[in-house]
Amino acid sequence: MSIGSFSENRASSGMFNIQVSAEDMKAFADLATLVPKAAANAQRRAINKTLGWLSTHIARAVGKQERIAVKAVRQRLRSYPIAGGAMRGKLWFGINPLEASRTGRPRQTKAGVSVGSRRYRGAFYKKVYGNQADIWIRTASKHFARADYPDSEVTSQTGASSGFVGENSDRFPLAKAKISLDSVRPHFEAWSRKADERLLQILRQEMNFELQKYLKGTRRV
């Protein structure tokens, strides 16, 4: 039995399940009986539109709360519109700590690195591992604070130097600057409720659209 939209809170992600509850569908039982295909199309469009609405509002809310670019939050959202016969859409939200370098435009200064409204004293911005630059700090630095580098594996691997003296040696282990997204977890349930309300609002519009098409067709007969 459909219970409506709900969220699942997982260790590294949140999953929003968007679906119409059986109770809400009772209000449209007549149309669903007369033209089941039209009712199914309306339901599908309503769910997929709600996924887009939810994605937009989560990105804005998290961006504002965490003081990061909305674009960076959108990279953590993955929408799964309805496909086939299952009348449930899904929105995946990855909430592992986000690399600080992805949240804005990093700027190297003598004091460290700034990105958006955040400042990482004693840090440097450059390629260390992989092909993309990140914000790093030596864990031996007096400015190193684990709160600014959550879930960051302190590296001490040996390897080819990328130009910074001792950056890969055991003597200078490094940590990558990241931003924790754990504070968004309490909002999952509230977002699901808002999505459920929005879904019902859009469903009414879509059902009315299908009804008008149906009535227009019958008048032509």
N, C-alpha and C. Protein backbone atom coordinates (compact mmCIF):
# COMPACT_ATOMS: atom_id res chain seq x y z
N MET A 1 0.85 -1.20 0.00
CA MET A 1 0.00 0.00 0.00
C MET A 1 0.88 1.24 0.00
N SER A 2 0.57 2.20 -0.86
CA SER A 2 1.36 3.42 -0.96
C SER A 2 1.14 4.31 0.26
N ILE A 3 2.24 4.75 0.86
CA ILE A 3 2.15 5.60 2.04
C ILE A 3 2.54 7.04 1.73
N GLY A 4 2.76 7.34 0.48
CA GLY A 4 3.17 8.68 0.12
C GLY A 4 4.68 8.83 0.13
N SER A 5 5.16 10.04 -0.05
CA SER A 5 6.59 10.30 -0.12
C SER A 5 7.26 10.12 1.23
N PHE A 6 8.50 9.63 1.19
CA PHE A 6 9.26 9.45 2.43
C PHE A 6 10.75 9.47 2.12
N SER A 7 11.57 9.65 3.16
CA SER A 7 13.01 9.69 2.98
C SER A 7 13.67 8.55 3.74
N GLU A 8 14.84 8.15 3.27
CA GLU A 8 15.65 7.14 3.93
C GLU A 8 16.99 7.77 4.29
N ASN A 9 17.35 7.75 5.54
CA ASN A 9 18.58 8.35 6.02
C ASN A 9 19.65 7.27 6.13
N ARG A 10 20.67 7.35 5.30
CA ARG A 10 21.73 6.35 5.28
C ARG A 10 23.05 6.96 5.76
N ALA A 11 24.06 6.10 5.89
CA ALA A 11 25.34 6.54 6.44
C ALA A 11 25.98 7.65 5.61
N SER A 12 25.97 7.50 4.30
CA SER A 12 26.66 8.47 3.46
C SER A 12 25.74 9.17 2.47
N SER A 13 24.43 8.93 2.60
CA SER A 13 23.51 9.54 1.64
C SER A 13 22.10 9.56 2.19
N GLY A 14 21.24 10.27 1.48
CA GLY A 14 19.82 10.27 1.79
C GLY A 14 19.08 9.95 0.51
N MET A 15 18.01 9.18 0.60
CA MET A 15 17.21 8.83 -0.57
C MET A 15 15.78 9.30 -0.36
N PHE A 16 15.30 10.13 -1.27
CA PHE A 16 13.93 10.61 -1.20
C PHE A 16 13.09 9.80 -2.18
N ASN A 17 12.01 9.21 -1.67
CA ASN A 17 11.10 8.42 -2.49
C ASN A 17 9.82 9.24 -2.68
N ILE A 18 9.53 9.60 -3.91
CA ILE A 18 8.38 10.44 -4.21
C ILE A 18 7.29 9.60 -4.87
N GLN A 19 6.16 9.48 -4.19
CA GLN A 19 5.05 8.70 -4.72
C GLN A 19 3.74 9.22 -4.14
N VAL A 20 2.68 8.96 -4.85
CA VAL A 20 1.35 9.39 -4.42
C VAL A 20 0.78 8.34 -3.47
N SER A 21 0.23 8.78 -2.35
CA SER A 21 -0.35 7.85 -1.40
C SER A 21 -1.67 7.30 -1.93
N ALA A 22 -2.03 6.13 -1.45
CA ALA A 22 -3.30 5.52 -1.86
C ALA A 22 -4.48 6.40 -1.47
N GLU A 23 -4.38 7.05 -0.33
CA GLU A 23 -5.45 7.92 0.14
C GLU A 23 -5.68 9.10 -0.79
N ASP A 24 -4.57 9.69 -1.25
CA ASP A 24 -4.70 10.82 -2.16
C ASP A 24 -5.28 10.40 -3.50
N MET A 25 -4.92 9.21 -3.95
CA MET A 25 -5.42 8.74 -5.24
C MET A 25 -6.92 8.48 -5.23
N LYS A 26 -7.48 8.26 -4.04
CA LYS A 26 -8.93 8.03 -3.94
C LYS A 26 -9.71 9.24 -4.46
N ALA A 27 -9.12 10.42 -4.29
CA ALA A 27 -9.80 11.64 -4.73
C ALA A 27 -9.93 11.69 -6.25
N PHE A 28 -9.10 10.91 -6.94
CA PHE A 28 -9.12 10.92 -8.40
C PHE A 28 -9.56 9.56 -8.95
N ALA A 29 -10.31 8.82 -8.13
CA ALA A 29 -10.71 7.46 -8.49
C ALA A 29 -11.57 7.42 -9.75
N ASP A 30 -12.46 8.41 -9.90
CA ASP A 30 -13.36 8.40 -11.06
C ASP A 30 -12.59 8.51 -12.37
N LEU A 31 -11.65 9.46 -12.40
CA LEU A 31 -10.86 9.63 -13.62
C LEU A 31 -9.99 8.39 -13.87
N ALA A 32 -9.42 7.85 -12.80
CA ALA A 32 -8.57 6.67 -12.95
C ALA A 32 -9.36 5.48 -13.48
N THR A 33 -10.65 5.42 -13.13
CA THR A 33 -11.50 4.33 -13.61
C THR A 33 -11.89 4.53 -15.07
N LEU A 34 -12.24 5.77 -15.41
CA LEU A 34 -12.69 6.06 -16.77
C LEU A 34 -11.53 6.01 -17.77
N VAL A 35 -10.44 6.66 -17.43
CA VAL A 35 -9.29 6.72 -18.34
C VAL A 35 -8.02 6.43 -17.56
N PRO A 36 -7.75 5.17 -17.24
CA PRO A 36 -6.59 4.81 -16.42
C PRO A 36 -5.26 5.25 -17.01
N LYS A 37 -5.14 5.23 -18.34
CA LYS A 37 -3.88 5.66 -18.95
C LYS A 37 -3.64 7.14 -18.72
N ALA A 38 -4.70 7.94 -18.84
CA ALA A 38 -4.57 9.38 -18.62
C ALA A 38 -4.19 9.66 -17.17
N ALA A 39 -4.80 8.93 -16.24
CA ALA A 39 -4.50 9.13 -14.82
C ALA A 39 -3.06 8.75 -14.52
N ALA A 40 -2.59 7.67 -15.16
CA ALA A 40 -1.20 7.24 -14.95
C ALA A 40 -0.23 8.26 -15.52
N ASN A 41 -0.56 8.84 -16.67
CA ASN A 41 0.30 9.87 -17.27
C ASN A 41 0.38 11.10 -16.37
N ALA A 42 -0.76 11.48 -15.80
CA ALA A 42 -0.80 12.64 -14.91
C ALA A 42 0.05 12.37 -13.67
N GLN A 43 -0.06 11.17 -13.14
CA GLN A 43 0.69 10.80 -11.96
C GLN A 43 2.19 10.81 -12.24
N ARG A 44 2.55 10.28 -13.39
CA ARG A 44 3.97 10.24 -13.78
C ARG A 44 4.53 11.65 -13.92
N ARG A 45 3.81 12.52 -14.60
CA ARG A 45 4.29 13.89 -14.78
C ARG A 45 4.40 14.62 -13.44
N ALA A 46 3.43 14.41 -12.57
CA ALA A 46 3.43 15.08 -11.27
C ALA A 46 4.63 14.66 -10.44
N ILE A 47 4.94 13.37 -10.43
CA ILE A 47 6.08 12.87 -9.65
C ILE A 47 7.39 13.41 -10.22
N ASN A 48 7.54 13.37 -11.54
CA ASN A 48 8.79 13.83 -12.14
C ASN A 48 8.99 15.34 -11.96
N LYS A 49 7.91 16.10 -12.02
CA LYS A 49 8.01 17.55 -11.77
C LYS A 49 8.36 17.82 -10.32
N THR A 50 7.83 17.00 -9.41
CA THR A 50 8.13 17.18 -7.98
C THR A 50 9.60 16.87 -7.70
N LEU A 51 10.16 15.90 -8.40
CA LEU A 51 11.59 15.59 -8.25
C LEU A 51 12.43 16.81 -8.59
N GLY A 52 12.10 17.46 -9.69
CA GLY A 52 12.84 18.66 -10.09
C GLY A 52 12.69 19.77 -9.07
N TRP A 53 11.47 19.95 -8.57
CA TRP A 53 11.20 20.98 -7.56
C TRP A 53 12.00 20.69 -6.29
N LEU A 54 11.99 19.45 -5.84
CA LEU A 54 12.69 19.08 -4.61
C LEU A 54 14.19 19.26 -4.77
N SER A 55 14.73 18.87 -5.91
CA SER A 55 16.16 19.02 -6.16
C SER A 55 16.58 20.48 -6.09
N THR A 56 15.79 21.35 -6.71
CA THR A 56 16.10 22.78 -6.71
C THR A 56 16.09 23.36 -5.30
N HIS A 57 15.07 23.02 -4.52
CA HIS A 57 14.93 23.59 -3.18
C HIS A 57 15.94 23.03 -2.19
N ILE A 58 16.31 21.77 -2.34
CA ILE A 58 17.35 21.21 -1.47
C ILE A 58 18.68 21.88 -1.77
N ALA A 59 19.00 22.04 -3.05
CA ALA A 59 20.26 22.67 -3.43
C ALA A 59 20.36 24.09 -2.88
N ARG A 60 19.26 24.85 -2.97
CA ARG A 60 19.26 26.22 -2.46
C ARG A 60 19.39 26.25 -0.94
N ALA A 61 18.64 25.37 -0.26
CA ALA A 61 18.65 25.36 1.20
C ALA A 61 20.00 24.96 1.76
N VAL A 62 20.59 23.92 1.19
CA VAL A 62 21.89 23.45 1.68
C VAL A 62 22.98 24.47 1.34
N GLY A 63 22.90 25.03 0.14
CA GLY A 63 23.89 26.04 -0.24
C GLY A 63 23.88 27.23 0.70
N LYS A 64 22.67 27.67 1.08
CA LYS A 64 22.54 28.80 2.00
C LYS A 64 23.00 28.43 3.40
N GLN A 65 22.61 27.25 3.87
CA GLN A 65 22.97 26.84 5.23
C GLN A 65 24.46 26.62 5.40
N GLU A 66 25.09 25.98 4.40
CA GLU A 66 26.50 25.64 4.52
C GLU A 66 27.43 26.68 3.88
N ARG A 67 26.82 27.74 3.31
CA ARG A 67 27.58 28.81 2.69
C ARG A 67 28.49 28.29 1.56
N ILE A 68 27.87 27.51 0.69
CA ILE A 68 28.60 26.97 -0.46
C ILE A 68 27.77 27.20 -1.73
N ALA A 69 28.42 27.12 -2.86
CA ALA A 69 27.76 27.36 -4.14
C ALA A 69 26.68 26.31 -4.38
N VAL A 70 25.53 26.75 -4.89
CA VAL A 70 24.43 25.83 -5.20
C VAL A 70 24.88 24.79 -6.21
N LYS A 71 25.74 25.19 -7.14
CA LYS A 71 26.27 24.29 -8.16
C LYS A 71 26.97 23.09 -7.53
N ALA A 72 27.69 23.34 -6.43
CA ALA A 72 28.41 22.27 -5.74
C ALA A 72 27.43 21.28 -5.12
N VAL A 73 26.31 21.78 -4.58
CA VAL A 73 25.31 20.90 -3.97
C VAL A 73 24.63 20.07 -5.05
N ARG A 74 24.36 20.68 -6.18
CA ARG A 74 23.68 19.97 -7.28
C ARG A 74 24.49 18.76 -7.74
N GLN A 75 25.81 18.85 -7.62
CA GLN A 75 26.66 17.72 -8.02
C GLN A 75 26.46 16.52 -7.11
N ARG A 76 25.88 16.74 -5.93
CA ARG A 76 25.61 15.65 -5.00
C ARG A 76 24.19 15.11 -5.11
N LEU A 77 23.40 15.68 -6.00
CA LEU A 77 22.01 15.25 -6.17
C LEU A 77 21.86 14.47 -7.48
N ARG A 78 21.18 13.36 -7.39
CA ARG A 78 20.96 12.53 -8.57
C ARG A 78 19.49 12.12 -8.62
N SER A 79 18.82 12.52 -9.69
CA SER A 79 17.39 12.26 -9.81
C SER A 79 17.13 11.00 -10.64
N TYR A 80 16.13 10.23 -10.19
CA TYR A 80 15.72 9.02 -10.89
C TYR A 80 14.22 9.13 -11.20
N PRO A 81 13.89 9.76 -12.34
CA PRO A 81 12.47 9.91 -12.71
C PRO A 81 11.82 8.55 -12.94
N ILE A 82 10.52 8.55 -13.01
CA ILE A 82 9.77 7.32 -13.23
C ILE A 82 10.10 6.75 -14.60
N ALA A 83 10.37 5.47 -14.61
CA ALA A 83 10.61 4.75 -15.86
C ALA A 83 9.89 3.42 -15.75
N GLY A 84 9.16 3.06 -16.79
CA GLY A 84 8.43 1.81 -16.73
C GLY A 84 7.14 1.94 -15.95
N GLY A 85 6.75 0.86 -15.30
CA GLY A 85 5.47 0.85 -14.61
C GLY A 85 5.48 1.29 -13.17
N ALA A 86 6.65 1.34 -12.55
CA ALA A 86 6.73 1.71 -11.13
C ALA A 86 6.42 3.19 -10.96
N MET A 87 5.42 3.49 -10.13
CA MET A 87 5.01 4.87 -9.92
C MET A 87 5.72 5.47 -8.71
N ARG A 88 7.04 5.44 -8.75
CA ARG A 88 7.83 6.05 -7.68
C ARG A 88 9.09 6.66 -8.28
N GLY A 89 9.31 7.94 -8.00
CA GLY A 89 10.53 8.60 -8.42
C GLY A 89 11.47 8.70 -7.22
N LYS A 90 12.76 8.82 -7.49
CA LYS A 90 13.73 8.88 -6.40
C LYS A 90 14.73 10.01 -6.61
N LEU A 91 15.18 10.56 -5.50
CA LEU A 91 16.21 11.58 -5.53
C LEU A 91 17.28 11.19 -4.52
N TRP A 92 18.49 10.95 -5.03
CA TRP A 92 19.62 10.56 -4.18
C TRP A 92 20.44 11.80 -3.83
N PHE A 93 20.83 11.89 -2.56
CA PHE A 93 21.63 13.02 -2.09
C PHE A 93 22.84 12.50 -1.33
N GLY A 94 24.02 12.65 -1.92
CA GLY A 94 25.25 12.21 -1.26
C GLY A 94 25.68 13.21 -0.20
N ILE A 95 25.85 12.74 1.03
CA ILE A 95 26.18 13.66 2.12
C ILE A 95 27.52 13.38 2.76
N ASN A 96 28.39 12.66 2.04
CA ASN A 96 29.77 12.57 2.50
C ASN A 96 30.37 13.97 2.49
N PRO A 97 31.38 14.23 3.32
CA PRO A 97 32.00 15.56 3.31
C PRO A 97 32.40 15.98 1.90
N LEU A 98 32.15 17.24 1.59
CA LEU A 98 32.37 17.79 0.25
C LEU A 98 33.73 18.50 0.20
N GLU A 99 34.51 18.22 -0.84
CA GLU A 99 35.80 18.88 -0.98
C GLU A 99 35.59 20.39 -1.03
N ALA A 100 36.30 21.10 -0.19
CA ALA A 100 36.14 22.55 -0.11
C ALA A 100 36.45 23.24 -1.44
N SER A 101 37.37 22.66 -2.20
CA SER A 101 37.76 23.27 -3.47
C SER A 101 36.64 23.24 -4.49
N ARG A 102 35.59 22.40 -4.27
CA ARG A 102 34.48 22.30 -5.22
C ARG A 102 33.36 23.30 -4.92
N THR A 103 33.49 24.02 -3.81
CA THR A 103 32.38 24.87 -3.36
C THR A 103 32.49 26.32 -3.82
N GLY A 104 33.50 26.64 -4.56
CA GLY A 104 33.70 28.00 -5.01
C GLY A 104 35.01 28.09 -5.77
N ARG A 105 35.53 29.28 -5.87
CA ARG A 105 36.80 29.48 -6.57
C ARG A 105 37.92 29.68 -5.56
N PRO A 106 38.79 28.68 -5.37
CA PRO A 106 39.87 28.80 -4.39
C PRO A 106 40.87 29.89 -4.80
N ARG A 107 41.36 30.61 -3.81
CA ARG A 107 42.37 31.65 -4.06
C ARG A 107 43.53 31.46 -3.08
N GLN A 108 44.70 31.32 -3.64
CA GLN A 108 45.90 31.16 -2.82
C GLN A 108 46.40 32.53 -2.35
N THR A 109 46.65 32.63 -1.06
CA THR A 109 47.22 33.84 -0.49
C THR A 109 48.45 33.46 0.32
N LYS A 110 49.16 34.44 0.81
CA LYS A 110 50.33 34.15 1.63
C LYS A 110 49.93 33.45 2.93
N ALA A 111 48.73 33.77 3.42
CA ALA A 111 48.29 33.20 4.69
C ALA A 111 47.71 31.80 4.54
N GLY A 112 47.27 31.45 3.32
CA GLY A 112 46.66 30.14 3.11
C GLY A 112 45.78 30.16 1.88
N VAL A 113 44.60 29.56 1.98
CA VAL A 113 43.67 29.48 0.85
C VAL A 113 42.30 29.97 1.29
N SER A 114 41.66 30.74 0.44
CA SER A 114 40.29 31.17 0.70
C SER A 114 39.40 30.64 -0.41
N VAL A 115 38.19 30.24 -0.03
CA VAL A 115 37.21 29.80 -1.02
C VAL A 115 35.84 30.19 -0.48
N GLY A 116 35.15 31.04 -1.23
CA GLY A 116 33.90 31.59 -0.72
C GLY A 116 34.16 32.40 0.54
N SER A 117 33.42 32.11 1.60
CA SER A 117 33.59 32.82 2.87
C SER A 117 34.51 32.08 3.83
N ARG A 118 35.09 30.98 3.38
CA ARG A 118 35.95 30.16 4.26
C ARG A 118 37.42 30.49 4.05
N ARG A 119 38.17 30.38 5.12
CA ARG A 119 39.60 30.62 5.09
C ARG A 119 40.32 29.43 5.70
N TYR A 120 41.33 28.95 4.99
CA TYR A 120 42.13 27.82 5.47
C TYR A 120 43.57 28.29 5.64
N ARG A 121 43.87 28.74 6.84
CA ARG A 121 45.22 29.26 7.12
C ARG A 121 46.24 28.14 7.06
N GLY A 122 47.36 28.44 6.48
CA GLY A 122 48.45 27.47 6.40
C GLY A 122 48.26 26.43 5.31
N ALA A 123 47.16 26.52 4.55
CA ALA A 123 46.89 25.53 3.50
C ALA A 123 47.45 25.99 2.16
N PHE A 124 47.50 25.06 1.21
CA PHE A 124 47.92 25.40 -0.14
C PHE A 124 47.01 24.70 -1.14
N TYR A 125 46.89 25.32 -2.31
CA TYR A 125 45.99 24.81 -3.34
C TYR A 125 46.81 24.35 -4.53
N LYS A 126 46.83 23.04 -4.77
CA LYS A 126 47.57 22.52 -5.90
C LYS A 126 47.25 21.04 -6.10
N LYS A 127 47.72 20.48 -7.19
CA LYS A 127 47.54 19.07 -7.47
C LYS A 127 48.52 18.26 -6.63
N VAL A 128 47.99 17.29 -5.92
CA VAL A 128 48.84 16.38 -5.16
C VAL A 128 48.60 14.96 -5.63
N TYR A 129 47.34 14.57 -5.63
CA TYR A 129 46.94 13.27 -6.15
C TYR A 129 45.87 13.47 -7.21
N GLY A 130 45.94 12.74 -8.30
CA GLY A 130 44.96 12.88 -9.36
C GLY A 130 45.24 14.08 -10.25
N ASN A 131 44.27 14.43 -11.07
CA ASN A 131 44.45 15.49 -12.06
C ASN A 131 43.83 16.82 -11.67
N GLN A 132 43.24 16.87 -10.47
CA GLN A 132 42.56 18.09 -10.06
C GLN A 132 43.18 18.66 -8.79
N ALA A 133 43.34 19.96 -8.77
CA ALA A 133 43.91 20.60 -7.58
C ALA A 133 42.91 20.58 -6.43
N ASP A 134 43.42 20.53 -5.21
CA ASP A 134 42.59 20.56 -4.01
C ASP A 134 43.28 21.44 -2.96
N ILE A 135 42.58 21.65 -1.87
CA ILE A 135 43.13 22.44 -0.77
C ILE A 135 43.73 21.47 0.25
N TRP A 136 45.02 21.60 0.51
CA TRP A 136 45.74 20.69 1.39
C TRP A 136 46.44 21.46 2.51
N ILE A 137 46.74 20.72 3.56
CA ILE A 137 47.54 21.29 4.65
C ILE A 137 48.40 20.18 5.25
N ARG A 138 49.57 20.54 5.70
CA ARG A 138 50.41 19.57 6.42
C ARG A 138 49.78 19.37 7.80
N THR A 139 49.63 18.14 8.21
CA THR A 139 49.02 17.89 9.52
C THR A 139 49.91 18.36 10.66
N ALA A 140 51.17 18.61 10.36
CA ALA A 140 52.08 19.11 11.40
C ALA A 140 51.97 20.63 11.56
N SER A 141 51.21 21.27 10.65
CA SER A 141 51.07 22.72 10.70
C SER A 141 50.34 23.14 11.97
N LYS A 142 50.72 24.26 12.52
CA LYS A 142 50.05 24.79 13.72
C LYS A 142 48.62 25.22 13.40
N HIS A 143 48.32 25.39 12.11
CA HIS A 143 46.98 25.81 11.71
C HIS A 143 46.06 24.63 11.41
N PHE A 144 46.57 23.42 11.46
CA PHE A 144 45.75 22.25 11.15
C PHE A 144 44.69 22.03 12.23
N ALA A 145 43.42 21.95 11.80
CA ALA A 145 42.31 21.69 12.72
C ALA A 145 41.41 20.65 12.06
N ARG A 146 41.18 19.56 12.74
CA ARG A 146 40.42 18.46 12.13
C ARG A 146 39.00 18.88 11.74
N ALA A 147 38.45 19.87 12.40
CA ALA A 147 37.11 20.34 12.07
C ALA A 147 37.04 20.86 10.63
N ASP A 148 38.15 21.40 10.13
CA ASP A 148 38.20 21.92 8.76
C ASP A 148 38.55 20.85 7.74
N TYR A 149 38.91 19.65 8.23
CA TYR A 149 39.33 18.58 7.34
C TYR A 149 38.62 17.27 7.71
N PRO A 150 37.28 17.29 7.79
CA PRO A 150 36.53 16.10 8.21
C PRO A 150 36.65 14.97 7.20
N ASP A 151 36.71 13.76 7.71
CA ASP A 151 36.73 12.57 6.86
C ASP A 151 37.90 12.58 5.88
N SER A 152 38.93 13.34 6.21
CA SER A 152 40.08 13.42 5.32
C SER A 152 41.13 12.43 5.79
N GLU A 153 41.51 11.56 4.86
CA GLU A 153 42.55 10.60 5.20
C GLU A 153 43.89 11.32 5.22
N VAL A 154 44.56 11.25 6.33
CA VAL A 154 45.86 11.88 6.44
C VAL A 154 46.84 11.06 5.64
N THR A 155 47.39 11.65 4.59
CA THR A 155 48.25 10.90 3.68
C THR A 155 49.70 10.91 4.13
N SER A 156 50.35 9.80 3.91
CA SER A 156 51.79 9.71 4.19
C SER A 156 52.44 8.82 3.15
N GLN A 157 51.80 8.74 1.97
CA GLN A 157 52.32 7.88 0.92
C GLN A 157 53.54 8.50 0.28
N THR A 158 54.39 7.63 -0.22
CA THR A 158 55.54 8.11 -0.98
C THR A 158 55.19 8.02 -2.44
N GLY A 159 55.69 8.90 -3.23
CA GLY A 159 55.36 8.89 -4.65
C GLY A 159 56.06 10.04 -5.35
N ALA A 160 55.75 10.19 -6.63
CA ALA A 160 56.39 11.23 -7.42
C ALA A 160 56.00 12.60 -6.89
N SER A 161 56.98 13.47 -6.72
CA SER A 161 56.72 14.81 -6.21
C SER A 161 56.04 15.65 -7.27
N SER A 162 55.10 16.50 -6.85
CA SER A 162 54.44 17.39 -7.80
C SER A 162 54.96 18.81 -7.66
N GLY A 163 56.11 18.96 -7.05
CA GLY A 163 56.73 20.26 -7.00
C GLY A 163 56.79 20.89 -5.62
N PHE A 164 56.05 20.34 -4.65
CA PHE A 164 56.08 20.92 -3.31
C PHE A 164 56.99 20.06 -2.44
N VAL A 165 58.03 20.62 -1.91
CA VAL A 165 59.05 19.87 -1.20
C VAL A 165 58.47 19.04 -0.08
N GLY A 166 58.68 17.75 -0.16
CA GLY A 166 58.32 16.84 0.93
C GLY A 166 56.84 16.58 1.08
N GLU A 167 56.01 16.97 0.11
CA GLU A 167 54.57 16.84 0.30
C GLU A 167 54.09 15.39 0.37
N ASN A 168 54.86 14.46 -0.20
CA ASN A 168 54.44 13.06 -0.18
C ASN A 168 55.30 12.21 0.76
N SER A 169 56.11 12.83 1.53
CA SER A 169 57.00 12.06 2.39
C SER A 169 56.35 11.75 3.73
N ASP A 170 56.89 10.77 4.44
CA ASP A 170 56.35 10.42 5.75
C ASP A 170 56.50 11.57 6.73
N ARG A 171 57.40 12.47 6.45
CA ARG A 171 57.66 13.57 7.35
C ARG A 171 56.58 14.64 7.27
N PHE A 172 55.92 14.72 6.11
CA PHE A 172 54.92 15.76 5.91
C PHE A 172 53.58 15.18 5.46
N PRO A 173 52.88 14.44 6.31
CA PRO A 173 51.56 13.92 5.91
C PRO A 173 50.60 15.08 5.68
N LEU A 174 49.66 14.86 4.75
CA LEU A 174 48.73 15.91 4.34
C LEU A 174 47.29 15.53 4.62
N ALA A 175 46.44 16.56 4.74
CA ALA A 175 45.00 16.36 4.88
C ALA A 175 44.31 17.30 3.90
N LYS A 176 43.19 16.83 3.33
CA LYS A 176 42.44 17.62 2.35
C LYS A 176 41.29 18.36 3.03
N ALA A 177 41.13 19.63 2.69
CA ALA A 177 40.05 20.43 3.27
C ALA A 177 38.70 19.99 2.72
N LYS A 178 37.77 19.70 3.65
CA LYS A 178 36.43 19.28 3.26
C LYS A 178 35.40 19.97 4.15
N ILE A 179 34.15 19.90 3.71
CA ILE A 179 33.04 20.50 4.46
C ILE A 179 32.04 19.41 4.81
N SER A 180 31.75 19.28 6.09
CA SER A 180 30.80 18.26 6.53
C SER A 180 29.38 18.67 6.17
N LEU A 181 28.59 17.70 5.71
CA LEU A 181 27.19 17.94 5.39
C LEU A 181 26.26 17.23 6.36
N ASP A 182 26.80 16.78 7.48
CA ASP A 182 25.98 16.05 8.46
C ASP A 182 24.83 16.89 9.00
N SER A 183 24.99 18.20 9.01
CA SER A 183 23.95 19.06 9.59
C SER A 183 22.67 19.09 8.76
N VAL A 184 22.71 18.53 7.54
CA VAL A 184 21.49 18.55 6.72
C VAL A 184 20.58 17.36 7.05
N ARG A 185 21.08 16.37 7.74
CA ARG A 185 20.30 15.18 8.04
C ARG A 185 18.95 15.46 8.71
N PRO A 186 18.92 16.35 9.71
CA PRO A 186 17.64 16.60 10.39
C PRO A 186 16.54 17.14 9.47
N HIS A 187 16.92 17.64 8.29
CA HIS A 187 15.94 18.25 7.40
C HIS A 187 15.28 17.24 6.46
N PHE A 188 15.77 16.01 6.41
CA PHE A 188 15.26 15.04 5.44
C PHE A 188 13.75 14.84 5.54
N GLU A 189 13.28 14.64 6.76
CA GLU A 189 11.86 14.37 6.96
C GLU A 189 11.01 15.57 6.54
N ALA A 190 11.49 16.77 6.89
CA ALA A 190 10.76 17.99 6.54
C ALA A 190 10.70 18.17 5.03
N TRP A 191 11.80 17.90 4.35
CA TRP A 191 11.82 18.01 2.90
C TRP A 191 10.86 17.02 2.26
N SER A 192 10.78 15.82 2.84
CA SER A 192 9.86 14.81 2.31
C SER A 192 8.41 15.27 2.45
N ARG A 193 8.09 15.88 3.60
CA ARG A 193 6.71 16.37 3.80
C ARG A 193 6.39 17.48 2.80
N LYS A 194 7.35 18.37 2.59
CA LYS A 194 7.12 19.46 1.63
C LYS A 194 6.95 18.91 0.22
N ALA A 195 7.74 17.87 -0.10
CA ALA A 195 7.63 17.26 -1.42
C ALA A 195 6.27 16.60 -1.59
N ASP A 196 5.77 15.98 -0.53
CA ASP A 196 4.47 15.31 -0.57
C ASP A 196 3.36 16.33 -0.83
N GLU A 197 3.45 17.49 -0.15
CA GLU A 197 2.47 18.55 -0.35
C GLU A 197 2.54 19.11 -1.77
N ARG A 198 3.76 19.29 -2.24
CA ARG A 198 3.95 19.80 -3.60
C ARG A 198 3.44 18.80 -4.64
N LEU A 199 3.68 17.53 -4.39
CA LEU A 199 3.24 16.48 -5.30
C LEU A 199 1.72 16.49 -5.46
N LEU A 200 1.01 16.63 -4.36
CA LEU A 200 -0.45 16.63 -4.41
C LEU A 200 -0.96 17.86 -5.17
N GLN A 201 -0.30 18.99 -4.97
CA GLN A 201 -0.68 20.22 -5.67
C GLN A 201 -0.51 20.05 -7.18
N ILE A 202 0.63 19.51 -7.60
CA ILE A 202 0.88 19.32 -9.03
C ILE A 202 -0.02 18.23 -9.59
N LEU A 203 -0.28 17.19 -8.79
CA LEU A 203 -1.14 16.11 -9.25
C LEU A 203 -2.54 16.63 -9.58
N ARG A 204 -3.07 17.52 -8.75
CA ARG A 204 -4.38 18.11 -9.03
C ARG A 204 -4.38 18.83 -10.38
N GLN A 205 -3.30 19.58 -10.64
CA GLN A 205 -3.19 20.30 -11.91
C GLN A 205 -3.13 19.34 -13.09
N GLU A 206 -2.33 18.29 -12.94
CA GLU A 206 -2.16 17.34 -14.04
C GLU A 206 -3.43 16.51 -14.27
N MET A 207 -4.11 16.14 -13.19
CA MET A 207 -5.35 15.39 -13.33
C MET A 207 -6.42 16.26 -13.99
N ASN A 208 -6.47 17.52 -13.63
CA ASN A 208 -7.43 18.44 -14.22
C ASN A 208 -7.15 18.61 -15.72
N PHE A 209 -5.86 18.67 -16.05
CA PHE A 209 -5.47 18.78 -17.46
C PHE A 209 -5.96 17.57 -18.25
N GLU A 210 -5.77 16.37 -17.68
CA GLU A 210 -6.21 15.15 -18.35
C GLU A 210 -7.74 15.09 -18.43
N LEU A 211 -8.40 15.56 -17.38
CA LEU A 211 -9.86 15.56 -17.37
C LEU A 211 -10.41 16.47 -18.47
N GLN A 212 -9.82 17.66 -18.61
CA GLN A 212 -10.26 18.60 -19.63
C GLN A 212 -10.05 18.02 -21.03
N LYS A 213 -8.94 17.31 -21.21
CA LYS A 213 -8.70 16.67 -22.51
C LYS A 213 -9.75 15.61 -22.78
N TYR A 214 -10.08 14.85 -21.73
CA TYR A 214 -11.08 13.79 -21.86
C TYR A 214 -12.46 14.36 -22.20
N LEU A 215 -12.86 15.41 -21.47
CA LEU A 215 -14.17 16.02 -21.71
C LEU A 215 -14.24 16.66 -23.09
N LYS A 216 -13.14 17.26 -23.51
CA LYS A 216 -13.10 17.87 -24.84
C LYS A 216 -13.29 16.81 -25.91
N GLY A 217 -12.69 15.63 -25.68
CA GLY A 217 -12.80 14.52 -26.63
C GLY A 217 -14.22 13.97 -26.70
N THR A 218 -14.88 13.88 -25.54
CA THR A 218 -16.23 13.32 -25.54
C THR A 218 -17.23 14.25 -26.21
N ARG A 219 -16.95 15.56 -26.15
CA ARG A 219 -17.88 16.52 -26.78
C ARG A 219 -17.82 16.43 -28.29
N ARG A 220 -16.70 15.92 -28.80
CA ARG A 220 -16.54 15.81 -30.25
C ARG A 220 -17.26 14.58 -30.80
N VAL A 221 -17.55 13.61 -29.91
CA VAL A 221 -18.17 12.37 -30.36
C VAL A 221 -19.65 12.60 -30.73
